[in-house]
C-alpha atoms as a PDB file:
ATOM      1  CA  MET A   1      -7.509  22.143  49.548  1.00  0.00           C
ATOM      2  CA  ARG A   2      -6.683  24.518  46.592  1.00  0.00           C
ATOM      3  CA  ASN A   3      -4.081  22.202  45.290  1.00  0.00           C
ATOM      4  CA  LYS A   4      -6.412  19.337  45.232  1.00  0.00           C
ATOM      5  CA  PHE A   5      -8.999  21.446  43.118  1.00  0.00           C
ATOM      6  CA  TYR A   6      -6.177  22.400  40.518  1.00  0.00           C
ATOM      7  CA  LEU A   7      -5.057  18.743  40.407  1.00  0.00           C
ATOM      8  CA  ALA A   8      -8.680  17.499  39.798  1.00  0.00           C
ATOM      9  CA  ILE A   9      -9.084  20.062  37.083  1.00  0.00           C
ATOM     10  CA  ALA A  10      -5.681  19.031  35.377  1.00  0.00           C
ATOM     11  CA  PHE A  11      -6.756  15.577  35.593  1.00  0.00           C
ATOM     12  CA  ILE A  12     -10.026  15.896  33.955  1.00  0.00           C
ATOM     13  CA  ILE A  13      -8.487  17.856  31.129  1.00  0.00           C
ATOM     14  CA  LEU A  14      -6.029  15.244  30.661  1.00  0.00           C
ATOM     15  CA  LEU A  15      -8.539  12.555  30.570  1.00  0.00           C
ATOM     16  CA  SER A  16     -10.690  14.367  28.016  1.00  0.00           C
ATOM     17  CA  ALA A  17      -7.557  14.946  25.741  1.00  0.00           C
ATOM     18  CA  CYS A  18      -6.488  11.238  25.861  1.00  0.00           C
ATOM     19  CA  GLY A  19      -9.771   9.817  24.717  1.00  0.00           C
ATOM     20  CA  SER A  20     -10.414  11.905  21.671  1.00  0.00           C
ATOM     21  CA  TYR A  21      -9.330  10.530  18.380  1.00  0.00           C
ATOM     22  CA  GLU A  22     -12.200  11.871  16.203  1.00  0.00           C
ATOM     23  CA  GLU A  23      -9.969  14.127  14.184  1.00  0.00           C
ATOM     24  CA  PHE A  24      -7.850  11.003  13.067  1.00  0.00           C
ATOM     25  CA  LYS A  25     -10.748   8.784  12.188  1.00  0.00           C
ATOM     26  CA  ASN A  26     -11.426   7.928   8.394  1.00  0.00           C
ATOM     27  CA  SER A  27     -12.787   5.018   6.462  1.00  0.00           C
ATOM     28  CA  ALA A  28      -9.583   2.999   6.886  1.00  0.00           C
ATOM     29  CA  THR A  29      -9.581   3.299  10.691  1.00  0.00           C
ATOM     30  CA  ALA A  30     -13.264   2.951  11.301  1.00  0.00           C
ATOM     31  CA  ASN A  31     -12.902  -0.512  12.831  1.00  0.00           C
ATOM     32  CA  TYR A  32      -9.719   0.071  14.920  1.00  0.00           C
ATOM     33  CA  SER A  33      -9.866  -0.835  18.539  1.00  0.00           C
ATOM     34  CA  ASP A  34      -9.146   1.919  21.182  1.00  0.00           C
ATOM     35  CA  ALA A  35      -5.546   0.738  21.515  1.00  0.00           C
ATOM     36  CA  LYS A  36      -4.890   0.637  17.710  1.00  0.00           C
ATOM     37  CA  MET A  37      -6.617   4.076  17.410  1.00  0.00           C
ATOM     38  CA  GLN A  38      -4.348   5.510  20.047  1.00  0.00           C
ATOM     39  CA  LYS A  39      -1.205   4.258  18.361  1.00  0.00           C
ATOM     40  CA  PHE A  40      -2.617   5.465  15.022  1.00  0.00           C
ATOM     41  CA  ALA A  41      -3.055   8.865  16.623  1.00  0.00           C
ATOM     42  CA  LYS A  42       0.413   8.924  17.967  1.00  0.00           C
ATOM     43  CA  TYR A  43       1.739   7.891  14.516  1.00  0.00           C
ATOM     44  CA  MET A  44      -0.176  10.816  12.889  1.00  0.00           C
ATOM     45  CA  ILE A  45       1.078  13.457  15.438  1.00  0.00           C
ATOM     46  CA  GLN A  46       4.670  12.293  15.127  1.00  0.00           C
ATOM     47  CA  GLY A  47       4.329  11.792  11.450  1.00  0.00           C
ATOM     48  CA  LYS A  48       3.069  15.425  10.887  1.00  0.00           C
ATOM     49  CA  GLN A  49       6.186  16.695  12.869  1.00  0.00           C
ATOM     50  CA  LEU A  50       8.544  14.717  10.796  1.00  0.00           C
ATOM     51  CA  TYR A  51       6.756  15.515   7.635  1.00  0.00           C
ATOM     52  CA  THR A  52       7.062  19.348   8.435  1.00  0.00           C
ATOM     53  CA  THR A  53      10.704  18.842   9.191  1.00  0.00           C
ATOM     54  CA  HIS A  54      11.870  16.518   6.315  1.00  0.00           C
ATOM     55  CA  CYS A  55       9.301  16.765   3.649  1.00  0.00           C
ATOM     56  CA  SER A  56       7.070  19.886   3.526  1.00  0.00           C
ATOM     57  CA  ASN A  57       9.658  22.162   2.077  1.00  0.00           C
ATOM     58  CA  CYS A  58       9.211  20.308  -1.221  1.00  0.00           C
ATOM     59  CA  HIS A  59       5.832  18.839  -1.110  1.00  0.00           C
ATOM     60  CA  GLN A  60       4.259  21.658   0.824  1.00  0.00           C
ATOM     61  CA  ASP A  61       2.316  21.811   4.001  1.00  0.00           C
ATOM     62  CA  LYS A  62      -0.934  20.395   2.387  1.00  0.00           C
ATOM     63  CA  GLY A  63       0.821  17.777   0.251  1.00  0.00           C
ATOM     64  CA  GLU A  64       0.083  19.830  -2.917  1.00  0.00           C
ATOM     65  CA  GLY A  65       3.648  19.555  -4.273  1.00  0.00           C
ATOM     66  CA  LEU A  66       5.403  22.514  -5.821  1.00  0.00           C
ATOM     67  CA  GLY A  67       4.533  23.271  -9.455  1.00  0.00           C
ATOM     68  CA  LYS A  68       6.497  21.288 -11.925  1.00  0.00           C
ATOM     69  CA  LEU A  69       9.358  20.638  -9.595  1.00  0.00           C
ATOM     70  CA  PHE A  70       7.881  18.383  -6.707  1.00  0.00           C
ATOM     71  CA  PRO A  71       4.940  16.044  -7.132  1.00  0.00           C
ATOM     72  CA  PRO A  72       1.889  16.283  -4.874  1.00  0.00           C
ATOM     73  CA  LEU A  73       1.236  13.722  -2.221  1.00  0.00           C
ATOM     74  CA  ALA A  74      -2.361  14.547  -1.763  1.00  0.00           C
ATOM     75  CA  ASN A  75      -4.430  12.165  -3.985  1.00  0.00           C
ATOM     76  CA  SER A  76      -1.211  11.079  -5.741  1.00  0.00           C
ATOM     77  CA  ASP A  77      -1.778   7.883  -7.851  1.00  0.00           C
ATOM     78  CA  TYR A  78       1.799   7.181  -7.902  1.00  0.00           C
ATOM     79  CA  MET A  79       1.982   7.095  -3.980  1.00  0.00           C
ATOM     80  CA  LEU A  80      -1.342   5.509  -3.491  1.00  0.00           C
ATOM     81  CA  GLU A  81      -0.845   2.559  -5.772  1.00  0.00           C
ATOM     82  CA  ASN A  82       2.398   1.306  -4.261  1.00  0.00           C
ATOM     83  CA  ILE A  83       3.077   1.767  -0.436  1.00  0.00           C
ATOM     84  CA  PRO A  84       6.343  -0.288  -0.615  1.00  0.00           C
ATOM     85  CA  ARG A  85       7.671   1.978  -3.302  1.00  0.00           C
ATOM     86  CA  THR A  86       6.953   4.987  -1.115  1.00  0.00           C
ATOM     87  CA  ILE A  87       8.630   3.521   1.802  1.00  0.00           C
ATOM     88  CA  CYS A  88      11.690   2.661  -0.177  1.00  0.00           C
ATOM     89  CA  GLY A  89      11.698   6.027  -1.641  1.00  0.00           C
ATOM     90  CA  ILE A  90      11.690   7.774   1.697  1.00  0.00           C
ATOM     91  CA  LYS A  91      14.619   5.787   2.900  1.00  0.00           C
ATOM     92  CA  ASN A  92      16.636   5.565  -0.361  1.00  0.00           C
ATOM     93  CA  GLY A  93      15.405   8.596  -2.266  1.00  0.00           C
ATOM     94  CA  ILE A  94      14.030   8.631  -5.746  1.00  0.00           C
ATOM     95  CA  LYS A  95      15.938   9.436  -8.888  1.00  0.00           C
ATOM     96  CA  GLY A  96      14.782   9.559 -12.537  1.00  0.00           C
ATOM     97  CA  GLU A  97      11.376  10.288 -14.093  1.00  0.00           C
ATOM     98  CA  ILE A  98       8.257   9.543 -12.415  1.00  0.00           C
ATOM     99  CA  LYS A  99       4.771  10.196 -13.578  1.00  0.00           C
ATOM    100  CA  VAL A 100       2.156  11.510 -10.952  1.00  0.00           C
ATOM    101  CA  ASN A 101      -1.498  12.146 -11.819  1.00  0.00           C
ATOM    102  CA  GLY A 102      -0.638  12.344 -15.438  1.00  0.00           C
ATOM    103  CA  LYS A 103       2.436  14.845 -15.036  1.00  0.00           C
ATOM    104  CA  THR A 104       6.088  13.941 -15.339  1.00  0.00           C
ATOM    105  CA  TYR A 105       8.547  14.847 -12.702  1.00  0.00           C
ATOM    106  CA  ASN A 106      12.279  14.477 -12.842  1.00  0.00           C
ATOM    107  CA  GLN A 107      13.580  16.143  -9.694  1.00  0.00           C
ATOM    108  CA  ALA A 108      15.571  13.693  -7.415  1.00  0.00           C
ATOM    109  CA  MET A 109      14.119  13.283  -3.963  1.00  0.00           C
ATOM    110  CA  PRO A 110      17.112  13.091  -1.538  1.00  0.00           C
ATOM    111  CA  ALA A 111      17.417   9.806   0.635  1.00  0.00           C
ATOM    112  CA  LEU A 112      16.383  10.262   4.262  1.00  0.00           C
ATOM    113  CA  SER A 113      18.575   7.408   5.303  1.00  0.00           C
ATOM    114  CA  ARG A 114      19.021   8.837   8.813  1.00  0.00           C
ATOM    115  CA  LEU A 115      15.323   8.228   9.751  1.00  0.00           C
ATOM    116  CA  THR A 116      14.581   5.155  11.873  1.00  0.00           C
ATOM    117  CA  ASN A 117      12.002   2.471  10.653  1.00  0.00           C
ATOM    118  CA  LEU A 118       9.578   3.851  13.312  1.00  0.00           C
ATOM    119  CA  GLU A 119       9.894   7.472  12.021  1.00  0.00           C
ATOM    120  CA  ILE A 120       9.460   6.221   8.341  1.00  0.00           C
ATOM    121  CA  ALA A 121       6.327   4.368   9.573  1.00  0.00           C
ATOM    122  CA  GLU A 122       4.981   7.636  11.212  1.00  0.00           C
ATOM    123  CA  ILE A 123       5.718   9.761   8.110  1.00  0.00           C
ATOM    124  CA  SER A 124       4.094   7.090   5.895  1.00  0.00           C
ATOM    125  CA  THR A 125       0.940   6.897   8.111  1.00  0.00           C
ATOM    126  CA  TYR A 126       0.760  10.594   8.150  1.00  0.00           C
ATOM    127  CA  VAL A 127       1.002  11.038   4.325  1.00  0.00           C
ATOM    128  CA  TYR A 128      -1.366   8.028   3.652  1.00  0.00           C
ATOM    129  CA  ASN A 129      -4.016   9.662   5.956  1.00  0.00           C
ATOM    130  CA  SER A 130      -3.737  13.306   5.220  1.00  0.00           C
ATOM    131  CA  TRP A 131      -5.317  15.512   2.505  1.00  0.00           C
ATOM    132  CA  GLY A 132      -8.043  13.216   1.509  1.00  0.00           C
ATOM    133  CA  ASN A 133      -5.798  10.022   1.531  1.00  0.00           C
ATOM    134  CA  GLU A 134      -7.255   7.095   3.657  1.00  0.00           C
ATOM    135  CA  LYS A 135      -5.043   4.189   3.841  1.00  0.00           C
ATOM    136  CA  GLY A 136      -4.852   3.474   7.536  1.00  0.00           C
ATOM    137  CA  MET A 137      -1.697   2.937   9.743  1.00  0.00           C
ATOM    138  CA  VAL A 138       1.518   1.759   8.105  1.00  0.00           C
ATOM    139  CA  GLU A 139       3.068  -0.479  10.835  1.00  0.00           C
ATOM    140  CA  ILE A 140       6.758  -0.539  11.846  1.00  0.00           C
ATOM    141  CA  GLU A 141       6.741  -4.059  10.821  1.00  0.00           C
ATOM    142  CA  THR A 142       5.573  -3.354   7.428  1.00  0.00           C
ATOM    143  CA  VAL A 143       8.408  -0.788   7.089  1.00  0.00           C
ATOM    144  CA  GLU A 144      10.899  -3.394   8.273  1.00  0.00           C
ATOM    145  CA  LYS A 145       9.725  -6.079   5.822  1.00  0.00           C
ATOM    146  CA  VAL A 146       9.653  -3.438   2.894  1.00  0.00           C
ATOM    147  CA  LEU A 147      13.028  -2.070   3.768  1.00  0.00           C
ATOM    148  CA  SER A 148      14.632  -5.466   3.722  1.00  0.00           C
ATOM    149  CA  ASN A 149      13.453  -5.846   0.049  1.00  0.00           C
ATOM    150  CA  CYS A 150      14.333  -2.434  -1.323  1.00  0.00           C
ATOM    151  CA  SER A 151      16.327  -2.508  -4.668  1.00  0.00           C
ATOM    152  CA  ASN A 152      18.551   0.248  -3.400  1.00  0.00           C
END
């Protein structure tokens, strides 16, 4: 009897955790179906872990960048105006001068060529929906199409 009680409690906790996507909702995701919202939440969770591992050392935990060395991703005009350029930059790196929010940066960004297309979609979804950015989900199909057209 006691085991059934604990099993019931665990089941209730699991159900309540699975249905809550409020923390991930924004203006771009307001009309997502439950299934798409679940996928979006998964991308956000995985994307945050990947971002922490591969990106936060330079771009920082809150996407604010690092002084004059590494540009911000939070409210970054450079990033927000061109999603394909960002996807290509993640996979192939970025070299040369770029201008972000009126400031010039000339520190190379290393290629993350070992990342899978899914991982790039997850990181992209995370950065495009964090720190005030609200662009919605970057689908793996989008990443695949964009990467087939990258100039690098």
